[in-house]
Amino acid sequence: MVGTRPRTGFIRSLGNDVLAPSSDLVRVLPTLQLPTYPEIFAVGDIIDWDEQKTAFKAMAHADAVAKNILAYTQGKALKAKYKGAPEGIMVTLGPTGGVLYIPLFWGWCLCLGDWIVRKVKAVDLVVPKAKELLGY
């Protein structure tokens, strides 16, 4: 893992098998439940899932977990399985620019610049979409 690490040490109090030994990230099932504690769900940067840690991915985690918590509290089978989300990153460089990087197959990647980033993210940093998702 490169960069900062989530502080997950306190979760070890649930048992030595809750965190992955090599990364100290929380082990989860595809339903994003802890294997030994099915009533506990985990999302975001703390999960031991082989993917980039981004807000985009956390939103996909939250979608699966919200569905699964509703099913769990109603005694129904959990059907929402997190399979991962597309890799890539969009970095804004001020209100009019940026770069979008999307890895493709066989090591090739697609890099797009200012126009697409401005249309998707740079002008408002996706704040209106976030407010809509949060009900503001």
Protein backbone atom coordinates (compact mmCIF):
# COMPACT_ATOMS: atom_id res chain seq x y z
CA MET A 1 0.00 0.00 0.00
CA VAL A 2 1.29 3.45 -0.91
CA GLY A 3 0.49 6.65 0.98
CA THR A 4 -1.46 6.99 4.18
CA ARG A 5 -3.09 4.00 5.82
CA PRO A 6 -6.50 3.88 7.46
CA ARG A 7 -6.38 3.56 11.24
CA THR A 8 -7.96 0.16 11.75
CA GLY A 9 -6.01 -1.06 14.79
CA PHE A 10 -8.97 -0.62 17.14
CA ILE A 11 -10.95 -3.13 15.06
CA ARG A 12 -8.42 -5.82 16.05
CA SER A 13 -10.27 -5.96 19.39
CA LEU A 14 -12.88 -8.05 17.54
CA GLY A 15 -10.26 -10.77 16.96
CA ASN A 16 -7.03 -11.44 15.13
CA ASP A 17 -8.82 -12.68 12.00
CA VAL A 18 -10.73 -9.43 11.35
CA LEU A 19 -7.79 -7.60 9.73
CA ALA A 20 -5.66 -8.86 6.86
CA PRO A 21 -2.17 -9.40 8.31
CA SER A 22 -0.27 -7.88 5.39
CA SER A 23 -2.26 -4.63 5.17
CA ASP A 24 -4.23 -4.18 8.43
CA LEU A 25 -7.33 -3.63 6.28
CA VAL A 26 -10.70 -5.10 7.25
CA ARG A 27 -11.49 -8.45 5.65
CA VAL A 28 -14.92 -8.45 4.01
CA LEU A 29 -17.17 -10.77 2.06
CA PRO A 30 -18.62 -9.66 -1.31
CA THR A 31 -21.63 -8.45 0.69
CA LEU A 32 -19.13 -6.18 2.53
CA GLN A 33 -19.86 -7.95 5.82
CA LEU A 34 -17.10 -9.06 8.14
CA PRO A 35 -16.81 -12.84 7.78
CA THR A 36 -16.90 -13.54 11.53
CA TYR A 37 -19.39 -10.76 12.34
CA PRO A 38 -22.19 -10.80 9.75
CA GLU A 39 -23.98 -7.95 11.53
CA ILE A 40 -21.04 -5.60 10.86
CA PHE A 41 -20.46 -4.07 7.43
CA ALA A 42 -17.43 -2.09 6.24
CA VAL A 43 -16.98 0.41 3.41
CA GLY A 44 -14.40 2.79 2.04
CA ASP A 45 -10.65 2.85 2.40
CA ILE A 46 -10.60 0.37 5.30
CA ILE A 47 -11.73 -2.69 3.34
CA ASP A 48 -9.29 -5.33 2.14
CA TRP A 49 -10.33 -5.24 -1.51
CA ASP A 50 -7.89 -5.12 -4.38
CA GLU A 51 -8.81 -1.76 -5.88
CA GLN A 52 -7.90 1.91 -5.76
CA LYS A 53 -9.29 3.71 -2.74
CA THR A 54 -11.46 6.52 -4.15
CA ALA A 55 -14.67 8.32 -3.26
CA PHE A 56 -16.24 6.84 -6.40
CA LYS A 57 -15.59 3.34 -5.06
CA ALA A 58 -16.89 4.26 -1.60
CA MET A 59 -20.21 5.32 -3.17
CA ALA A 60 -20.47 1.88 -4.82
CA HIS A 61 -19.68 0.26 -1.44
CA ALA A 62 -22.38 2.35 0.24
CA ASP A 63 -24.96 1.36 -2.35
CA ALA A 64 -24.35 -2.36 -1.76
CA VAL A 65 -24.22 -1.99 2.02
CA ALA A 66 -27.42 0.07 2.21
CA LYS A 67 -29.30 -2.63 0.29
CA ASN A 68 -27.77 -5.37 2.42
CA ILE A 69 -28.50 -3.66 5.74
CA LEU A 70 -32.16 -3.30 4.75
CA ALA A 71 -32.32 -6.97 3.77
CA TYR A 72 -30.47 -8.04 6.94
CA THR A 73 -32.79 -6.10 9.25
CA GLN A 74 -35.82 -7.61 7.49
CA GLY A 75 -34.44 -11.15 7.78
CA LYS A 76 -34.05 -11.49 4.01
CA ALA A 77 -31.14 -12.92 2.04
CA LEU A 78 -28.42 -10.43 1.16
CA LYS A 79 -28.32 -10.14 -2.61
CA ALA A 80 -26.19 -7.04 -3.21
CA LYS A 81 -22.66 -8.25 -3.88
CA TYR A 82 -19.84 -5.80 -4.48
CA LYS A 83 -17.88 -6.92 -7.52
CA GLY A 84 -15.63 -3.90 -7.77
CA ALA A 85 -15.94 -0.77 -9.83
CA PRO A 86 -14.01 0.47 -12.85
CA GLU A 87 -10.53 1.75 -12.12
CA GLY A 88 -9.49 5.24 -13.11
CA ILE A 89 -9.01 8.66 -11.67
CA MET A 90 -10.08 12.17 -12.57
CA VAL A 91 -7.94 15.01 -11.26
CA THR A 92 -9.05 18.60 -11.60
CA LEU A 93 -6.58 21.41 -12.20
CA GLY A 94 -8.62 24.50 -11.41
CA PRO A 95 -12.13 25.20 -12.71
CA THR A 96 -11.24 24.69 -16.37
CA GLY A 97 -8.85 21.78 -16.58
CA GLY A 98 -7.65 18.41 -15.47
CA VAL A 99 -6.90 14.91 -16.61
CA LEU A 100 -8.82 11.64 -16.70
CA TYR A 101 -6.86 8.38 -16.61
CA ILE A 102 -8.58 5.08 -17.37
CA PRO A 103 -6.54 1.87 -17.54
CA LEU A 104 -7.70 -0.42 -20.32
CA PHE A 105 -6.53 -3.92 -21.19
CA TRP A 106 -3.02 -5.30 -21.72
CA GLY A 107 -1.40 -2.33 -20.00
CA TRP A 108 -2.84 0.33 -22.32
CA CYS A 109 -4.48 3.39 -20.83
CA LEU A 110 -6.70 6.21 -21.98
CA CYS A 111 -5.81 9.72 -20.88
CA LEU A 112 -8.26 12.52 -21.58
CA GLY A 113 -7.78 16.16 -20.75
CA ASP A 114 -9.39 19.47 -20.01
CA TRP A 115 -12.63 19.33 -21.99
CA ILE A 116 -14.02 16.10 -20.52
CA VAL A 117 -12.82 16.87 -16.99
CA ARG A 118 -14.32 20.35 -17.12
CA LYS A 119 -17.68 18.94 -18.26
CA VAL A 120 -17.75 16.20 -15.63
CA LYS A 121 -16.01 17.55 -12.55
CA ALA A 122 -13.83 20.68 -12.69
CA VAL A 123 -16.50 23.39 -12.75
CA ASP A 124 -18.36 22.31 -9.59
CA LEU A 125 -16.28 19.41 -8.17
CA VAL A 126 -19.47 17.31 -8.36
CA VAL A 127 -20.85 19.15 -5.30
CA PRO A 128 -24.42 19.40 -6.72
CA LYS A 129 -24.46 15.62 -7.31
CA ALA A 130 -23.19 14.97 -3.77
CA LYS A 131 -25.84 17.29 -2.33
CA GLU A 132 -28.51 15.49 -4.34
CA LEU A 133 -27.33 12.09 -3.07
CA LEU A 134 -27.39 13.38 0.51
CA GLY A 135 -30.83 14.96 0.13
CA TYR A 136 -29.82 18.64 0.36
